[in-house]
Amino acid sequence: VTAGGLLAPLFIAMDLFALRYWKSSTW
């Protein structure tokens, strides 16, 4: 449960950074 709470905000940071590479042309 603690791990889930820790990861939830970090996932958003990963997503924002990943959008640099997986742009709209890849959707």
mmCIF file of all heavy atoms, coordinates in Angstrom:
data_MODEL
# 
_entry.id   MODEL 
# 
loop_
_atom_site.group_PDB 
_atom_site.id 
_atom_site.type_symbol 
_atom_site.label_atom_id 
_atom_site.label_alt_id 
_atom_site.label_comp_id 
_atom_site.label_asym_id 
_atom_site.label_entity_id 
_atom_site.label_seq_id 
_atom_site.pdbx_PDB_ins_code 
_atom_site.Cartn_x 
_atom_site.Cartn_y 
_atom_site.Cartn_z 
_atom_site.occupancy 
_atom_site.B_iso_or_equiv 
_atom_site.pdbx_formal_charge 
_atom_site.auth_seq_id 
_atom_site.auth_comp_id 
_atom_site.auth_asym_id 
_atom_site.auth_atom_id 
_atom_site.pdbx_PDB_model_num 
ATOM 1   N N   . VAL A 1 1  ? 0.832  -1.198 0.000   1.00 0.00 ? 1  VAL A N   1 
ATOM 2   C CA  . VAL A 1 1  ? 0.000  0.000  0.000   1.00 0.00 ? 1  VAL A CA  1 
ATOM 3   C C   . VAL A 1 1  ? 0.871  1.253  0.000   1.00 0.00 ? 1  VAL A C   1 
ATOM 4   O O   . VAL A 1 1  ? 0.622  2.218  -0.727  1.00 0.00 ? 1  VAL A O   1 
ATOM 5   C CB  . VAL A 1 1  ? -0.959 0.004  1.210   1.00 0.00 ? 1  VAL A CB  1 
ATOM 6   C CG1 . VAL A 1 1  ? -1.735 1.311  1.286   1.00 0.00 ? 1  VAL A CG1 1 
ATOM 7   C CG2 . VAL A 1 1  ? -1.931 -1.171 1.114   1.00 0.00 ? 1  VAL A CG2 1 
ATOM 8   N N   . THR A 1 2  ? 1.911  1.254  0.812   1.00 0.00 ? 2  THR A N   1 
ATOM 9   C CA  . THR A 1 2  ? 2.837  2.382  0.831   1.00 0.00 ? 2  THR A CA  1 
ATOM 10  C C   . THR A 1 2  ? 3.515  2.541  -0.531  1.00 0.00 ? 2  THR A C   1 
ATOM 11  O O   . THR A 1 2  ? 3.669  3.662  -1.031  1.00 0.00 ? 2  THR A O   1 
ATOM 12  C CB  . THR A 1 2  ? 3.912  2.186  1.915   1.00 0.00 ? 2  THR A CB  1 
ATOM 13  O OG1 . THR A 1 2  ? 3.273  2.031  3.179   1.00 0.00 ? 2  THR A OG1 1 
ATOM 14  C CG2 . THR A 1 2  ? 4.847  3.376  1.979   1.00 0.00 ? 2  THR A CG2 1 
ATOM 15  N N   . ALA A 1 3  ? 3.904  1.416  -1.135  1.00 0.00 ? 3  ALA A N   1 
ATOM 16  C CA  . ALA A 1 3  ? 4.530  1.464  -2.453  1.00 0.00 ? 3  ALA A CA  1 
ATOM 17  C C   . ALA A 1 3  ? 3.576  2.067  -3.489  1.00 0.00 ? 3  ALA A C   1 
ATOM 18  O O   . ALA A 1 3  ? 3.980  2.849  -4.346  1.00 0.00 ? 3  ALA A O   1 
ATOM 19  C CB  . ALA A 1 3  ? 4.958  0.067  -2.884  1.00 0.00 ? 3  ALA A CB  1 
ATOM 20  N N   . GLY A 1 4  ? 2.289  1.711  -3.386  1.00 0.00 ? 4  GLY A N   1 
ATOM 21  C CA  . GLY A 1 4  ? 1.307  2.265  -4.307  1.00 0.00 ? 4  GLY A CA  1 
ATOM 22  C C   . GLY A 1 4  ? 1.183  3.767  -4.171  1.00 0.00 ? 4  GLY A C   1 
ATOM 23  O O   . GLY A 1 4  ? 1.111  4.500  -5.164  1.00 0.00 ? 4  GLY A O   1 
ATOM 24  N N   . GLY A 1 5  ? 1.183  4.254  -2.929  1.00 0.00 ? 5  GLY A N   1 
ATOM 25  C CA  . GLY A 1 5  ? 1.115  5.691  -2.711  1.00 0.00 ? 5  GLY A CA  1 
ATOM 26  C C   . GLY A 1 5  ? 2.355  6.415  -3.187  1.00 0.00 ? 5  GLY A C   1 
ATOM 27  O O   . GLY A 1 5  ? 2.279  7.540  -3.696  1.00 0.00 ? 5  GLY A O   1 
ATOM 28  N N   . LEU A 1 6  ? 3.511  5.777  -3.036  1.00 0.00 ? 6  LEU A N   1 
ATOM 29  C CA  . LEU A 1 6  ? 4.763  6.390  -3.500  1.00 0.00 ? 6  LEU A CA  1 
ATOM 30  C C   . LEU A 1 6  ? 4.811  6.470  -5.022  1.00 0.00 ? 6  LEU A C   1 
ATOM 31  O O   . LEU A 1 6  ? 5.247  7.466  -5.601  1.00 0.00 ? 6  LEU A O   1 
ATOM 32  C CB  . LEU A 1 6  ? 5.948  5.584  -2.972  1.00 0.00 ? 6  LEU A CB  1 
ATOM 33  C CG  . LEU A 1 6  ? 7.344  6.072  -3.382  1.00 0.00 ? 6  LEU A CG  1 
ATOM 34  C CD1 . LEU A 1 6  ? 8.316  5.952  -2.225  1.00 0.00 ? 6  LEU A CD1 1 
ATOM 35  C CD2 . LEU A 1 6  ? 7.888  5.275  -4.575  1.00 0.00 ? 6  LEU A CD2 1 
ATOM 36  N N   . LEU A 1 7  ? 4.328  5.411  -5.684  1.00 0.00 ? 7  LEU A N   1 
ATOM 37  C CA  . LEU A 1 7  ? 4.445  5.346  -7.137  1.00 0.00 ? 7  LEU A CA  1 
ATOM 38  C C   . LEU A 1 7  ? 3.431  6.230  -7.855  1.00 0.00 ? 7  LEU A C   1 
ATOM 39  O O   . LEU A 1 7  ? 3.710  6.699  -8.969  1.00 0.00 ? 7  LEU A O   1 
ATOM 40  C CB  . LEU A 1 7  ? 4.272  3.894  -7.608  1.00 0.00 ? 7  LEU A CB  1 
ATOM 41  C CG  . LEU A 1 7  ? 5.441  2.950  -7.323  1.00 0.00 ? 7  LEU A CG  1 
ATOM 42  C CD1 . LEU A 1 7  ? 5.052  1.525  -7.678  1.00 0.00 ? 7  LEU A CD1 1 
ATOM 43  C CD2 . LEU A 1 7  ? 6.688  3.374  -8.087  1.00 0.00 ? 7  LEU A CD2 1 
ATOM 44  N N   . ALA A 1 8  ? 2.264  6.457  -7.261  1.00 0.00 ? 8  ALA A N   1 
ATOM 45  C CA  . ALA A 1 8  ? 1.199  7.180  -7.966  1.00 0.00 ? 8  ALA A CA  1 
ATOM 46  C C   . ALA A 1 8  ? 1.670  8.526  -8.523  1.00 0.00 ? 8  ALA A C   1 
ATOM 47  O O   . ALA A 1 8  ? 1.480  8.810  -9.717  1.00 0.00 ? 8  ALA A O   1 
ATOM 48  C CB  . ALA A 1 8  ? -0.015 7.348  -7.053  1.00 0.00 ? 8  ALA A CB  1 
ATOM 49  N N   . PRO A 1 9  ? 2.299  9.412  -7.731  1.00 0.00 ? 9  PRO A N   1 
ATOM 50  C CA  . PRO A 1 9  ? 2.791  10.672 -8.307  1.00 0.00 ? 9  PRO A CA  1 
ATOM 51  C C   . PRO A 1 9  ? 3.990  10.471 -9.243  1.00 0.00 ? 9  PRO A C   1 
ATOM 52  O O   . PRO A 1 9  ? 4.156  11.207 -10.215 1.00 0.00 ? 9  PRO A O   1 
ATOM 53  C CB  . PRO A 1 9  ? 3.196  11.501 -7.074  1.00 0.00 ? 9  PRO A CB  1 
ATOM 54  C CG  . PRO A 1 9  ? 2.500  10.852 -5.917  1.00 0.00 ? 9  PRO A CG  1 
ATOM 55  C CD  . PRO A 1 9  ? 2.455  9.399  -6.268  1.00 0.00 ? 9  PRO A CD  1 
ATOM 56  N N   . LEU A 1 10 ? 4.836  9.466  -8.943  1.00 0.00 ? 10 LEU A N   1 
ATOM 57  C CA  . LEU A 1 10 ? 6.015  9.237  -9.774  1.00 0.00 ? 10 LEU A CA  1 
ATOM 58  C C   . LEU A 1 10 ? 5.613  8.776  -11.177 1.00 0.00 ? 10 LEU A C   1 
ATOM 59  O O   . LEU A 1 10 ? 6.303  9.077  -12.153 1.00 0.00 ? 10 LEU A O   1 
ATOM 60  C CB  . LEU A 1 10 ? 6.933  8.205  -9.126  1.00 0.00 ? 10 LEU A CB  1 
ATOM 61  C CG  . LEU A 1 10 ? 7.658  8.670  -7.859  1.00 0.00 ? 10 LEU A CG  1 
ATOM 62  C CD1 . LEU A 1 10 ? 8.468  7.528  -7.254  1.00 0.00 ? 10 LEU A CD1 1 
ATOM 63  C CD2 . LEU A 1 10 ? 8.572  9.857  -8.158  1.00 0.00 ? 10 LEU A CD2 1 
ATOM 64  N N   . PHE A 1 11 ? 4.515  8.043  -11.274 1.00 0.00 ? 11 PHE A N   1 
ATOM 65  C CA  . PHE A 1 11 ? 4.037  7.636  -12.597 1.00 0.00 ? 11 PHE A CA  1 
ATOM 66  C C   . PHE A 1 11 ? 3.752  8.856  -13.469 1.00 0.00 ? 11 PHE A C   1 
ATOM 67  O O   . PHE A 1 11 ? 4.025  8.853  -14.675 1.00 0.00 ? 11 PHE A O   1 
ATOM 68  C CB  . PHE A 1 11 ? 2.764  6.794  -12.471 1.00 0.00 ? 11 PHE A CB  1 
ATOM 69  C CG  . PHE A 1 11 ? 3.004  5.379  -12.044 1.00 0.00 ? 11 PHE A CG  1 
ATOM 70  C CD1 . PHE A 1 11 ? 2.096  4.727  -11.225 1.00 0.00 ? 11 PHE A CD1 1 
ATOM 71  C CD2 . PHE A 1 11 ? 4.120  4.688  -12.463 1.00 0.00 ? 11 PHE A CD2 1 
ATOM 72  C CE1 . PHE A 1 11 ? 2.296  3.415  -10.839 1.00 0.00 ? 11 PHE A CE1 1 
ATOM 73  C CE2 . PHE A 1 11 ? 4.351  3.373  -12.071 1.00 0.00 ? 11 PHE A CE2 1 
ATOM 74  C CZ  . PHE A 1 11 ? 3.423  2.734  -11.256 1.00 0.00 ? 11 PHE A CZ  1 
ATOM 75  N N   . ILE A 1 12 ? 3.186  9.897  -12.880 1.00 0.00 ? 12 ILE A N   1 
ATOM 76  C CA  . ILE A 1 12 ? 2.880  11.107 -13.653 1.00 0.00 ? 12 ILE A CA  1 
ATOM 77  C C   . ILE A 1 12 ? 4.167  11.746 -14.165 1.00 0.00 ? 12 ILE A C   1 
ATOM 78  O O   . ILE A 1 12 ? 4.246  12.192 -15.312 1.00 0.00 ? 12 ILE A O   1 
ATOM 79  C CB  . ILE A 1 12 ? 2.074  12.101 -12.798 1.00 0.00 ? 12 ILE A CB  1 
ATOM 80  C CG1 . ILE A 1 12 ? 0.715  11.494 -12.448 1.00 0.00 ? 12 ILE A CG1 1 
ATOM 81  C CG2 . ILE A 1 12 ? 1.895  13.427 -13.532 1.00 0.00 ? 12 ILE A CG2 1 
ATOM 82  C CD1 . ILE A 1 12 ? -0.137 12.373 -11.561 1.00 0.00 ? 12 ILE A CD1 1 
ATOM 83  N N   . ALA A 1 13 ? 5.192  11.785 -13.318 1.00 0.00 ? 13 ALA A N   1 
ATOM 84  C CA  . ALA A 1 13 ? 6.478  12.329 -13.753 1.00 0.00 ? 13 ALA A CA  1 
ATOM 85  C C   . ALA A 1 13 ? 7.068  11.506 -14.895 1.00 0.00 ? 13 ALA A C   1 
ATOM 86  O O   . ALA A 1 13 ? 7.602  12.052 -15.868 1.00 0.00 ? 13 ALA A O   1 
ATOM 87  C CB  . ALA A 1 13 ? 7.450  12.369 -12.565 1.00 0.00 ? 13 ALA A CB  1 
ATOM 88  N N   . MET A 1 14 ? 6.956  10.169 -14.796 1.00 0.00 ? 14 MET A N   1 
ATOM 89  C CA  . MET A 1 14 ? 7.430  9.308  -15.880 1.00 0.00 ? 14 MET A CA  1 
ATOM 90  C C   . MET A 1 14 ? 6.664  9.593  -17.168 1.00 0.00 ? 14 MET A C   1 
ATOM 91  O O   . MET A 1 14 ? 7.248  9.658  -18.256 1.00 0.00 ? 14 MET A O   1 
ATOM 92  C CB  . MET A 1 14 ? 7.249  7.836  -15.500 1.00 0.00 ? 14 MET A CB  1 
ATOM 93  C CG  . MET A 1 14 ? 8.093  7.359  -14.339 1.00 0.00 ? 14 MET A CG  1 
ATOM 94  S SD  . MET A 1 14 ? 7.705  5.625  -13.945 1.00 0.00 ? 14 MET A SD  1 
ATOM 95  C CE  . MET A 1 14 ? 8.374  5.515  -12.287 1.00 0.00 ? 14 MET A CE  1 
ATOM 96  N N   . ASP A 1 15 ? 5.343  9.758  -17.041 1.00 0.00 ? 15 ASP A N   1 
ATOM 97  C CA  . ASP A 1 15 ? 4.507  10.021 -18.218 1.00 0.00 ? 15 ASP A CA  1 
ATOM 98  C C   . ASP A 1 15 ? 4.915  11.311 -18.910 1.00 0.00 ? 15 ASP A C   1 
ATOM 99  O O   . ASP A 1 15 ? 5.043  11.366 -20.137 1.00 0.00 ? 15 ASP A O   1 
ATOM 100 C CB  . ASP A 1 15 ? 3.037  10.116 -17.801 1.00 0.00 ? 15 ASP A CB  1 
ATOM 101 C CG  . ASP A 1 15 ? 2.498  8.799  -17.272 1.00 0.00 ? 15 ASP A CG  1 
ATOM 102 O OD1 . ASP A 1 15 ? 3.038  7.749  -17.645 1.00 0.00 ? 15 ASP A OD1 1 
ATOM 103 O OD2 . ASP A 1 15 ? 1.541  8.826  -16.475 1.00 0.00 ? 15 ASP A OD2 1 
ATOM 104 N N   . LEU A 1 16 ? 5.105  12.358 -18.127 1.00 0.00 ? 16 LEU A N   1 
ATOM 105 C CA  . LEU A 1 16 ? 5.457  13.653 -18.706 1.00 0.00 ? 16 LEU A CA  1 
ATOM 106 C C   . LEU A 1 16 ? 6.799  13.582 -19.430 1.00 0.00 ? 16 LEU A C   1 
ATOM 107 O O   . LEU A 1 16 ? 6.975  14.158 -20.512 1.00 0.00 ? 16 LEU A O   1 
ATOM 108 C CB  . LEU A 1 16 ? 5.496  14.727 -17.609 1.00 0.00 ? 16 LEU A CB  1 
ATOM 109 C CG  . LEU A 1 16 ? 4.141  15.059 -16.970 1.00 0.00 ? 16 LEU A CG  1 
ATOM 110 C CD1 . LEU A 1 16 ? 4.335  16.039 -15.811 1.00 0.00 ? 16 LEU A CD1 1 
ATOM 111 C CD2 . LEU A 1 16 ? 3.190  15.641 -18.011 1.00 0.00 ? 16 LEU A CD2 1 
ATOM 112 N N   . PHE A 1 17 ? 7.741  12.865 -18.845 1.00 0.00 ? 17 PHE A N   1 
ATOM 113 C CA  . PHE A 1 17 ? 9.044  12.739 -19.490 1.00 0.00 ? 17 PHE A CA  1 
ATOM 114 C C   . PHE A 1 17 ? 8.954  11.858 -20.731 1.00 0.00 ? 17 PHE A C   1 
ATOM 115 O O   . PHE A 1 17 ? 9.581  12.138 -21.761 1.00 0.00 ? 17 PHE A O   1 
ATOM 116 C CB  . PHE A 1 17 ? 10.066 12.174 -18.504 1.00 0.00 ? 17 PHE A CB  1 
ATOM 117 C CG  . PHE A 1 17 ? 11.489 12.414 -18.924 1.00 0.00 ? 17 PHE A CG  1 
ATOM 118 C CD1 . PHE A 1 17 ? 12.106 13.629 -18.655 1.00 0.00 ? 17 PHE A CD1 1 
ATOM 119 C CD2 . PHE A 1 17 ? 12.208 11.454 -19.605 1.00 0.00 ? 17 PHE A CD2 1 
ATOM 120 C CE1 . PHE A 1 17 ? 13.416 13.866 -19.061 1.00 0.00 ? 17 PHE A CE1 1 
ATOM 121 C CE2 . PHE A 1 17 ? 13.521 11.679 -20.012 1.00 0.00 ? 17 PHE A CE2 1 
ATOM 122 C CZ  . PHE A 1 17 ? 14.122 12.899 -19.737 1.00 0.00 ? 17 PHE A CZ  1 
ATOM 123 N N   . ALA A 1 18 ? 8.138  10.789 -20.653 1.00 0.00 ? 18 ALA A N   1 
ATOM 124 C CA  . ALA A 1 18 ? 8.019  9.872  -21.791 1.00 0.00 ? 18 ALA A CA  1 
ATOM 125 C C   . ALA A 1 18 ? 7.358  10.541 -22.994 1.00 0.00 ? 18 ALA A C   1 
ATOM 126 O O   . ALA A 1 18 ? 7.604  10.132 -24.142 1.00 0.00 ? 18 ALA A O   1 
ATOM 127 C CB  . ALA A 1 18 ? 7.223  8.637  -21.384 1.00 0.00 ? 18 ALA A CB  1 
ATOM 128 N N   . LEU A 1 19 ? 6.543  11.564 -22.755 1.00 0.00 ? 19 LEU A N   1 
ATOM 129 C CA  . LEU A 1 19 ? 5.893  12.258 -23.875 1.00 0.00 ? 19 LEU A CA  1 
ATOM 130 C C   . LEU A 1 19 ? 6.903  12.956 -24.777 1.00 0.00 ? 19 LEU A C   1 
ATOM 131 O O   . LEU A 1 19 ? 6.575  13.318 -25.911 1.00 0.00 ? 19 LEU A O   1 
ATOM 132 C CB  . LEU A 1 19 ? 4.871  13.271 -23.344 1.00 0.00 ? 19 LEU A CB  1 
ATOM 133 C CG  . LEU A 1 19 ? 3.584  12.679 -22.764 1.00 0.00 ? 19 LEU A CG  1 
ATOM 134 C CD1 . LEU A 1 19 ? 2.708  13.778 -22.182 1.00 0.00 ? 19 LEU A CD1 1 
ATOM 135 C CD2 . LEU A 1 19 ? 2.819  11.896 -23.832 1.00 0.00 ? 19 LEU A CD2 1 
ATOM 136 N N   . ARG A 1 20 ? 8.121  13.164 -24.298 1.00 0.00 ? 20 ARG A N   1 
ATOM 137 C CA  . ARG A 1 20 ? 9.172  13.720 -25.154 1.00 0.00 ? 20 ARG A CA  1 
ATOM 138 C C   . ARG A 1 20 ? 9.505  12.755 -26.286 1.00 0.00 ? 20 ARG A C   1 
ATOM 139 O O   . ARG A 1 20 ? 9.942  13.166 -27.362 1.00 0.00 ? 20 ARG A O   1 
ATOM 140 C CB  . ARG A 1 20 ? 10.437 13.986 -24.333 1.00 0.00 ? 20 ARG A CB  1 
ATOM 141 C CG  . ARG A 1 20 ? 10.288 15.039 -23.256 1.00 0.00 ? 20 ARG A CG  1 
ATOM 142 C CD  . ARG A 1 20 ? 11.602 15.248 -22.538 1.00 0.00 ? 20 ARG A CD  1 
ATOM 143 N NE  . ARG A 1 20 ? 12.676 15.623 -23.449 1.00 0.00 ? 20 ARG A NE  1 
ATOM 144 C CZ  . ARG A 1 20 ? 13.964 15.724 -23.103 1.00 0.00 ? 20 ARG A CZ  1 
ATOM 145 N NH1 . ARG A 1 20 ? 14.333 15.450 -21.855 1.00 0.00 ? 20 ARG A NH1 1 
ATOM 146 N NH2 . ARG A 1 20 ? 14.872 16.084 -23.983 1.00 0.00 ? 20 ARG A NH2 1 
ATOM 147 N N   . TYR A 1 21 ? 9.313  11.466 -26.039 1.00 0.00 ? 21 TYR A N   1 
ATOM 148 C CA  . TYR A 1 21 ? 9.698  10.444 -27.008 1.00 0.00 ? 21 TYR A CA  1 
ATOM 149 C C   . TYR A 1 21 ? 8.483  9.832  -27.710 1.00 0.00 ? 21 TYR A C   1 
ATOM 150 O O   . TYR A 1 21 ? 8.512  9.594  -28.915 1.00 0.00 ? 21 TYR A O   1 
ATOM 151 C CB  . TYR A 1 21 ? 10.495 9.345  -26.309 1.00 0.00 ? 21 TYR A CB  1 
ATOM 152 C CG  . TYR A 1 21 ? 11.687 9.880  -25.547 1.00 0.00 ? 21 TYR A CG  1 
ATOM 153 C CD1 . TYR A 1 21 ? 11.691 9.953  -24.155 1.00 0.00 ? 21 TYR A CD1 1 
ATOM 154 C CD2 . TYR A 1 21 ? 12.813 10.357 -26.224 1.00 0.00 ? 21 TYR A CD2 1 
ATOM 155 C CE1 . TYR A 1 21 ? 12.772 10.472 -23.457 1.00 0.00 ? 21 TYR A CE1 1 
ATOM 156 C CE2 . TYR A 1 21 ? 13.903 10.874 -25.542 1.00 0.00 ? 21 TYR A CE2 1 
ATOM 157 C CZ  . TYR A 1 21 ? 13.876 10.930 -24.152 1.00 0.00 ? 21 TYR A CZ  1 
ATOM 158 O OH  . TYR A 1 21 ? 14.940 11.448 -23.467 1.00 0.00 ? 21 TYR A OH  1 
ATOM 159 N N   . TRP A 1 22 ? 7.425  9.532  -26.948 1.00 0.00 ? 22 TRP A N   1 
ATOM 160 C CA  . TRP A 1 22 ? 6.227  8.939  -27.540 1.00 0.00 ? 22 TRP A CA  1 
ATOM 161 C C   . TRP A 1 22 ? 5.220  10.042 -27.815 1.00 0.00 ? 22 TRP A C   1 
ATOM 162 O O   . TRP A 1 22 ? 4.250  10.218 -27.100 1.00 0.00 ? 22 TRP A O   1 
ATOM 163 C CB  . TRP A 1 22 ? 5.662  7.857  -26.615 1.00 0.00 ? 22 TRP A CB  1 
ATOM 164 C CG  . TRP A 1 22 ? 6.655  6.774  -26.309 1.00 0.00 ? 22 TRP A CG  1 
ATOM 165 C CD1 . TRP A 1 22 ? 7.114  6.395  -25.087 1.00 0.00 ? 22 TRP A CD1 1 
ATOM 166 C CD2 . TRP A 1 22 ? 7.339  5.954  -27.258 1.00 0.00 ? 22 TRP A CD2 1 
ATOM 167 N NE1 . TRP A 1 22 ? 8.029  5.391  -25.204 1.00 0.00 ? 22 TRP A NE1 1 
ATOM 168 C CE2 . TRP A 1 22 ? 8.201  5.094  -26.527 1.00 0.00 ? 22 TRP A CE2 1 
ATOM 169 C CE3 . TRP A 1 22 ? 7.318  5.854  -28.648 1.00 0.00 ? 22 TRP A CE3 1 
ATOM 170 C CZ2 . TRP A 1 22 ? 9.013  4.151  -27.147 1.00 0.00 ? 22 TRP A CZ2 1 
ATOM 171 C CZ3 . TRP A 1 22 ? 8.140  4.917  -29.267 1.00 0.00 ? 22 TRP A CZ3 1 
ATOM 172 C CH2 . TRP A 1 22 ? 8.964  4.084  -28.523 1.00 0.00 ? 22 TRP A CH2 1 
ATOM 173 N N   . LYS A 1 23 ? 5.477  10.778 -28.895 1.00 0.00 ? 23 LYS A N   1 
ATOM 174 C CA  . LYS A 1 23 ? 4.661  11.941 -29.262 1.00 0.00 ? 23 LYS A CA  1 
ATOM 175 C C   . LYS A 1 23 ? 3.341  11.499 -29.899 1.00 0.00 ? 23 LYS A C   1 
ATOM 176 O O   . LYS A 1 23 ? 3.110  10.316 -30.129 1.00 0.00 ? 23 LYS A O   1 
ATOM 177 C CB  . LYS A 1 23 ? 5.445  12.847 -30.214 1.00 0.00 ? 23 LYS A CB  1 
ATOM 178 C CG  . LYS A 1 23 ? 6.708  13.443 -29.594 1.00 0.00 ? 23 LYS A CG  1 
ATOM 179 C CD  . LYS A 1 23 ? 7.440  14.312 -30.590 1.00 0.00 ? 23 LYS A CD  1 
ATOM 180 C CE  . LYS A 1 23 ? 8.575  15.095 -29.955 1.00 0.00 ? 23 LYS A CE  1 
ATOM 181 N NZ  . LYS A 1 23 ? 9.615  14.236 -29.382 1.00 0.00 ? 23 LYS A NZ  1 
ATOM 182 N N   . SER A 1 24 ? 2.506  12.479 -30.224 1.00 0.00 ? 24 SER A N   1 
ATOM 183 C CA  . SER A 1 24 ? 1.167  12.189 -30.750 1.00 0.00 ? 24 SER A CA  1 
ATOM 184 C C   . SER A 1 24 ? 1.200  11.389 -32.049 1.00 0.00 ? 24 SER A C   1 
ATOM 185 O O   . SER A 1 24 ? 0.250  10.683 -32.375 1.00 0.00 ? 24 SER A O   1 
ATOM 186 C CB  . SER A 1 24 ? 0.387  13.489 -30.952 1.00 0.00 ? 24 SER A CB  1 
ATOM 187 O OG  . SER A 1 24 ? 1.057  14.339 -31.870 1.00 0.00 ? 24 SER A OG  1 
ATOM 188 N N   . SER A 1 25 ? 2.284  11.497 -32.787 1.00 0.00 ? 25 SER A N   1 
ATOM 189 C CA  . SER A 1 25 ? 2.392  10.740 -34.046 1.00 0.00 ? 25 SER A CA  1 
ATOM 190 C C   . SER A 1 25 ? 2.486  9.239  -33.811 1.00 0.00 ? 25 SER A C   1 
ATOM 191 O O   . SER A 1 25 ? 2.335  8.451  -34.750 1.00 0.00 ? 25 SER A O   1 
ATOM 192 C CB  . SER A 1 25 ? 3.612  11.214 -34.846 1.00 0.00 ? 25 SER A CB  1 
ATOM 193 O OG  . SER A 1 25 ? 4.807  11.043 -34.096 1.00 0.00 ? 25 SER A OG  1 
ATOM 194 N N   . THR A 1 26 ? 2.764  8.817  -32.563 1.00 0.00 ? 26 THR A N   1 
ATOM 195 C CA  . THR A 1 26 ? 2.879  7.394  -32.255 1.00 0.00 ? 26 THR A CA  1 
ATOM 196 C C   . THR A 1 26 ? 1.622  6.848  -31.576 1.00 0.00 ? 26 THR A C   1 
ATOM 197 O O   . THR A 1 26 ? 1.624  5.711  -31.114 1.00 0.00 ? 26 THR A O   1 
ATOM 198 C CB  . THR A 1 26 ? 4.094  7.131  -31.344 1.00 0.00 ? 26 THR A CB  1 
ATOM 199 O OG1 . THR A 1 26 ? 3.880  7.769  -30.067 1.00 0.00 ? 26 THR A OG1 1 
ATOM 200 C CG2 . THR A 1 26 ? 5.373  7.657  -31.963 1.00 0.00 ? 26 THR A CG2 1 
ATOM 201 N N   . TRP A 1 27 ? 0.563  7.638  -31.506 1.00 0.00 ? 27 TRP A N   1 
ATOM 202 C CA  . TRP A 1 27 ? -0.665 7.172  -30.850 1.00 0.00 ? 27 TRP A CA  1 
ATOM 203 C C   . TRP A 1 27 ? -1.634 6.607  -31.879 1.00 0.00 ? 27 TRP A C   1 
ATOM 204 O O   . TRP A 1 27 ? -1.826 7.196  -32.946 1.00 0.00 ? 27 TRP A O   1 
ATOM 205 C CB  . TRP A 1 27 ? -1.364 8.311  -30.110 1.00 0.00 ? 27 TRP A CB  1 
ATOM 206 C CG  . TRP A 1 27 ? -0.506 9.063  -29.136 1.00 0.00 ? 27 TRP A CG  1 
ATOM 207 C CD1 . TRP A 1 27 ? 0.677  8.666  -28.605 1.00 0.00 ? 27 TRP A CD1 1 
ATOM 208 C CD2 . TRP A 1 27 ? -0.771 10.367 -28.594 1.00 0.00 ? 27 TRP A CD2 1 
ATOM 209 N NE1 . TRP A 1 27 ? 1.187  9.629  -27.763 1.00 0.00 ? 27 TRP A NE1 1 
ATOM 210 C CE2 . TRP A 1 27 ? 0.313  10.682 -27.734 1.00 0.00 ? 27 TRP A CE2 1 
ATOM 211 C CE3 . TRP A 1 27 ? -1.808 11.281 -28.743 1.00 0.00 ? 27 TRP A CE3 1 
ATOM 212 C CZ2 . TRP A 1 27 ? 0.372  11.888 -27.038 1.00 0.00 ? 27 TRP A CZ2 1 
ATOM 213 C CZ3 . TRP A 1 27 ? -1.752 12.474 -28.049 1.00 0.00 ? 27 TRP A CZ3 1 
ATOM 214 C CH2 . TRP A 1 27 ? -0.678 12.772 -27.201 1.00 0.00 ? 27 TRP A CH2 1 
# 
